[in-house]
Amino acid sequence: MKKDVLIEIKGIYTQDDETDEVELLTTGSYYKRGGDYFIAYDESEVTGFEGSRTVLRVEADRKVTLSRSGAAKAQLIIERGVRHQCHYDTGYGPMMIGVSGDKVVSSLNDNGGDLEFRYSLDINTLLASENQVFVNVKEQPQ
């Protein structure tokens, strides 16, 4: 099963009591492998990661792995109740950051669905930002 899909993404980022929202509507691919769902899309100028490809691997309501390749490289593991040390390329150079997963809720099925995850990022254990992401996946009309 590999499908061409429409992907709606809304990200809410809070840093130093300031909140910013980014919304993206894009096309990509959606597939299932080994029981996990994968959402893949090319980044754009809107997200600030133009020239990169992002793949979200969703392991039920437990874990989301965001892997970015191309111009900007990163791998973030968002697992509910767990803090992971992850690789993140800032554009000025790579660094290790802490990623603490607060929430992962998925209603994804073979036809698409919704995904929500919330996590905080820290650098040297100092809070850098709190993040919430909403993703909706729909089959593209034929």
C-alpha atoms as a PDB file:
ATOM      1  CA  MET A   1       0.000   0.000   0.000  1.00  0.00           C
ATOM      2  CA  LYS A   2       1.522   3.287  -1.127  1.00  0.00           C
ATOM      3  CA  LYS A   3      -0.757   6.225  -1.799  1.00  0.00           C
ATOM      4  CA  ASP A   4      -0.458   9.771  -3.044  1.00  0.00           C
ATOM      5  CA  VAL A   5      -1.985  11.954  -0.344  1.00  0.00           C
ATOM      6  CA  LEU A   6      -2.808  15.488   0.683  1.00  0.00           C
ATOM      7  CA  ILE A   7      -1.101  16.372   3.959  1.00  0.00           C
ATOM      8  CA  GLU A   8      -2.209  19.206   6.231  1.00  0.00           C
ATOM      9  CA  ILE A   9       0.240  20.124   8.968  1.00  0.00           C
ATOM     10  CA  LYS A  10      -0.187  22.683  11.710  1.00  0.00           C
ATOM     11  CA  GLY A  11       2.677  23.316  14.093  1.00  0.00           C
ATOM     12  CA  ILE A  12       2.445  25.428  17.228  1.00  0.00           C
ATOM     13  CA  TYR A  13       5.753  26.455  18.781  1.00  0.00           C
ATOM     14  CA  THR A  14       6.145  28.224  22.111  1.00  0.00           C
ATOM     15  CA  GLN A  15       9.456  29.751  23.102  1.00  0.00           C
ATOM     16  CA  ASP A  16      10.000  32.288  25.886  1.00  0.00           C
ATOM     17  CA  ASP A  17       6.239  32.876  26.266  1.00  0.00           C
ATOM     18  CA  GLU A  18       5.891  33.680  22.544  1.00  0.00           C
ATOM     19  CA  THR A  19       3.794  31.398  20.371  1.00  0.00           C
ATOM     20  CA  ASP A  20       4.163  30.960  16.625  1.00  0.00           C
ATOM     21  CA  GLU A  21       2.044  28.859  14.274  1.00  0.00           C
ATOM     22  CA  VAL A  22       2.973  27.382  10.915  1.00  0.00           C
ATOM     23  CA  GLU A  23       0.474  25.757   8.579  1.00  0.00           C
ATOM     24  CA  LEU A  24       1.360  23.730   5.523  1.00  0.00           C
ATOM     25  CA  LEU A  25      -0.757  22.005   2.894  1.00  0.00           C
ATOM     26  CA  THR A  26       1.295  19.754   0.672  1.00  0.00           C
ATOM     27  CA  THR A  27       1.249  16.512  -1.256  1.00  0.00           C
ATOM     28  CA  GLY A  28       3.267  13.457  -0.413  1.00  0.00           C
ATOM     29  CA  SER A  29       3.145   9.720  -0.037  1.00  0.00           C
ATOM     30  CA  TYR A  30       1.629   7.497   2.626  1.00  0.00           C
ATOM     31  CA  TYR A  31       2.404   3.862   3.230  1.00  0.00           C
ATOM     32  CA  LYS A  32       2.451   1.107   5.796  1.00  0.00           C
ATOM     33  CA  ARG A  33       5.430  -1.093   6.565  1.00  0.00           C
ATOM     34  CA  GLY A  34       5.682  -3.623   9.380  1.00  0.00           C
ATOM     35  CA  GLY A  35       2.588  -2.267  11.124  1.00  0.00           C
ATOM     36  CA  ASP A  36       3.870   1.340  11.182  1.00  0.00           C
ATOM     37  CA  TYR A  37       2.513   4.177   9.040  1.00  0.00           C
ATOM     38  CA  PHE A  38       4.841   6.491   7.118  1.00  0.00           C
ATOM     39  CA  ILE A  39       4.047  10.008   5.892  1.00  0.00           C
ATOM     40  CA  ALA A  40       6.621  11.466   3.464  1.00  0.00           C
ATOM     41  CA  TYR A  41       6.715  14.936   1.915  1.00  0.00           C
ATOM     42  CA  ASP A  42       9.067  17.573   0.549  1.00  0.00           C
ATOM     43  CA  GLU A  43       9.577  20.637   2.713  1.00  0.00           C
ATOM     44  CA  SER A  44       9.001  24.130   1.336  1.00  0.00           C
ATOM     45  CA  GLU A  45      10.062  27.709   1.888  1.00  0.00           C
ATOM     46  CA  VAL A  46       7.092  28.098   4.282  1.00  0.00           C
ATOM     47  CA  THR A  47       8.640  25.721   6.830  1.00  0.00           C
ATOM     48  CA  GLY A  48      12.171  27.045   6.390  1.00  0.00           C
ATOM     49  CA  PHE A  49      13.491  23.640   5.319  1.00  0.00           C
ATOM     50  CA  GLU A  50      13.265  24.018   1.535  1.00  0.00           C
ATOM     51  CA  GLY A  51      15.323  21.355  -0.250  1.00  0.00           C
ATOM     52  CA  SER A  52      14.659  18.761   2.437  1.00  0.00           C
ATOM     53  CA  ARG A  53      12.448  15.688   2.592  1.00  0.00           C
ATOM     54  CA  THR A  54      10.670  14.724   5.809  1.00  0.00           C
ATOM     55  CA  VAL A  55       9.406  11.287   6.740  1.00  0.00           C
ATOM     56  CA  LEU A  56       7.213  10.704   9.791  1.00  0.00           C
ATOM     57  CA  ARG A  57       7.183   7.129  11.070  1.00  0.00           C
ATOM     58  CA  VAL A  58       4.178   6.574  13.332  1.00  0.00           C
ATOM     59  CA  GLU A  59       4.198   3.656  15.747  1.00  0.00           C
ATOM     60  CA  ALA A  60       0.571   3.681  16.973  1.00  0.00           C
ATOM     61  CA  ASP A  61      -0.108   5.982  19.946  1.00  0.00           C
ATOM     62  CA  ARG A  62       3.399   5.491  21.247  1.00  0.00           C
ATOM     63  CA  LYS A  63       6.126   6.984  19.112  1.00  0.00           C
ATOM     64  CA  VAL A  64       6.734   9.289  16.137  1.00  0.00           C
ATOM     65  CA  THR A  65      10.131   9.463  14.478  1.00  0.00           C
ATOM     66  CA  LEU A  66      10.722  12.533  12.313  1.00  0.00           C
ATOM     67  CA  SER A  67      13.591  12.047   9.858  1.00  0.00           C
ATOM     68  CA  ARG A  68      14.666  14.896   7.633  1.00  0.00           C
ATOM     69  CA  SER A  69      17.181  14.542   4.796  1.00  0.00           C
ATOM     70  CA  GLY A  70      18.547  16.895   2.164  1.00  0.00           C
ATOM     71  CA  ALA A  71      19.518  20.506   2.857  1.00  0.00           C
ATOM     72  CA  ALA A  72      18.546  20.209   6.543  1.00  0.00           C
ATOM     73  CA  LYS A  73      19.175  16.955   8.371  1.00  0.00           C
ATOM     74  CA  ALA A  74      17.521  15.872  11.586  1.00  0.00           C
ATOM     75  CA  GLN A  75      16.143  12.904  13.410  1.00  0.00           C
ATOM     76  CA  LEU A  76      13.753  13.565  16.279  1.00  0.00           C
ATOM     77  CA  ILE A  77      12.173  10.758  18.274  1.00  0.00           C
ATOM     78  CA  ILE A  78       8.969  11.758  20.037  1.00  0.00           C
ATOM     79  CA  GLU A  79       7.963   9.020  22.456  1.00  0.00           C
ATOM     80  CA  ARG A  80       5.374   9.622  25.120  1.00  0.00           C
ATOM     81  CA  GLY A  81       7.013   9.887  28.561  1.00  0.00           C
ATOM     82  CA  VAL A  82      10.576   9.424  27.262  1.00  0.00           C
ATOM     83  CA  ARG A  83      13.446  11.891  26.668  1.00  0.00           C
ATOM     84  CA  HIS A  84      15.686  11.087  23.697  1.00  0.00           C
ATOM     85  CA  GLN A  85      18.970  12.686  22.650  1.00  0.00           C
ATOM     86  CA  CYS A  86      18.533  13.487  18.951  1.00  0.00           C
ATOM     87  CA  HIS A  87      20.550  14.890  16.049  1.00  0.00           C
ATOM     88  CA  TYR A  88      19.438  18.264  14.672  1.00  0.00           C
ATOM     89  CA  ASP A  89      21.091  20.344  11.961  1.00  0.00           C
ATOM     90  CA  THR A  90      20.495  24.047  12.579  1.00  0.00           C
ATOM     91  CA  GLY A  91      21.814  25.154   9.202  1.00  0.00           C
ATOM     92  CA  TYR A  92      24.869  26.502  11.025  1.00  0.00           C
ATOM     93  CA  GLY A  93      26.003  23.071  12.092  1.00  0.00           C
ATOM     94  CA  PRO A  94      24.714  19.900  13.739  1.00  0.00           C
ATOM     95  CA  MET A  95      23.947  19.602  17.429  1.00  0.00           C
ATOM     96  CA  MET A  96      22.441  17.172  19.901  1.00  0.00           C
ATOM     97  CA  ILE A  97      19.177  18.170  21.533  1.00  0.00           C
ATOM     98  CA  GLY A  98      16.889  16.583  24.075  1.00  0.00           C
ATOM     99  CA  VAL A  99      13.408  15.663  22.876  1.00  0.00           C
ATOM    100  CA  SER A 100      10.817  14.863  25.541  1.00  0.00           C
ATOM    101  CA  GLY A 101       7.571  13.407  24.275  1.00  0.00           C
ATOM    102  CA  ASP A 102       4.413  14.526  26.044  1.00  0.00           C
ATOM    103  CA  LYS A 103       1.646  13.188  23.817  1.00  0.00           C
ATOM    104  CA  VAL A 104       1.189  10.957  20.773  1.00  0.00           C
ATOM    105  CA  VAL A 105      -2.341  10.310  19.497  1.00  0.00           C
ATOM    106  CA  SER A 106      -2.950   8.625  16.154  1.00  0.00           C
ATOM    107  CA  SER A 107      -6.130   7.666  14.322  1.00  0.00           C
ATOM    108  CA  LEU A 108      -4.198   6.723  11.183  1.00  0.00           C
ATOM    109  CA  ASN A 109      -5.496   3.762   9.194  1.00  0.00           C
ATOM    110  CA  ASP A 110      -4.990   2.452   5.666  1.00  0.00           C
ATOM    111  CA  ASN A 111      -7.059   5.353   4.273  1.00  0.00           C
ATOM    112  CA  GLY A 112      -5.329   8.203   6.138  1.00  0.00           C
ATOM    113  CA  GLY A 113      -6.460   9.958   9.303  1.00  0.00           C
ATOM    114  CA  ASP A 114      -5.112  12.259  11.982  1.00  0.00           C
ATOM    115  CA  LEU A 115      -1.960  12.428  14.055  1.00  0.00           C
ATOM    116  CA  GLU A 116      -1.193  14.734  16.964  1.00  0.00           C
ATOM    117  CA  PHE A 117       2.015  14.864  18.938  1.00  0.00           C
ATOM    118  CA  ARG A 118       3.437  17.208  21.545  1.00  0.00           C
ATOM    119  CA  TYR A 119       7.041  17.472  22.701  1.00  0.00           C
ATOM    120  CA  SER A 120       9.566  19.830  24.239  1.00  0.00           C
ATOM    121  CA  LEU A 121      13.102  20.512  23.052  1.00  0.00           C
ATOM    122  CA  ASP A 122      16.000  21.240  25.362  1.00  0.00           C
ATOM    123  CA  ILE A 123      19.604  22.206  24.817  1.00  0.00           C
ATOM    124  CA  ASN A 124      21.944  21.210  27.632  1.00  0.00           C
ATOM    125  CA  THR A 125      18.775  20.407  29.637  1.00  0.00           C
ATOM    126  CA  LEU A 126      17.523  24.032  29.345  1.00  0.00           C
ATOM    127  CA  LEU A 127      14.069  24.292  27.790  1.00  0.00           C
ATOM    128  CA  ALA A 128      14.307  25.656  24.230  1.00  0.00           C
ATOM    129  CA  SER A 129      10.701  25.271  23.028  1.00  0.00           C
ATOM    130  CA  GLU A 130       7.436  23.438  23.477  1.00  0.00           C
ATOM    131  CA  ASN A 131       5.892  22.099  20.295  1.00  0.00           C
ATOM    132  CA  GLN A 132       2.558  20.699  19.214  1.00  0.00           C
ATOM    133  CA  VAL A 133       1.951  19.241  15.759  1.00  0.00           C
ATOM    134  CA  PHE A 134      -1.315  18.258  14.079  1.00  0.00           C
ATOM    135  CA  VAL A 135      -1.224  16.221  10.859  1.00  0.00           C
ATOM    136  CA  ASN A 136      -4.138  15.195   8.649  1.00  0.00           C
ATOM    137  CA  VAL A 137      -3.637  12.738   5.786  1.00  0.00           C
ATOM    138  CA  LYS A 138      -6.212  12.299   3.006  1.00  0.00           C
ATOM    139  CA  GLU A 139      -6.082  10.386  -0.249  1.00  0.00           C
ATOM    140  CA  GLN A 140      -5.752  12.693  -3.238  1.00  0.00           C
ATOM    141  CA  PRO A 141      -8.885  12.854  -5.383  1.00  0.00           C
ATOM    142  CA  GLN A 142      -8.430  10.981  -8.647  1.00  0.00           C
END
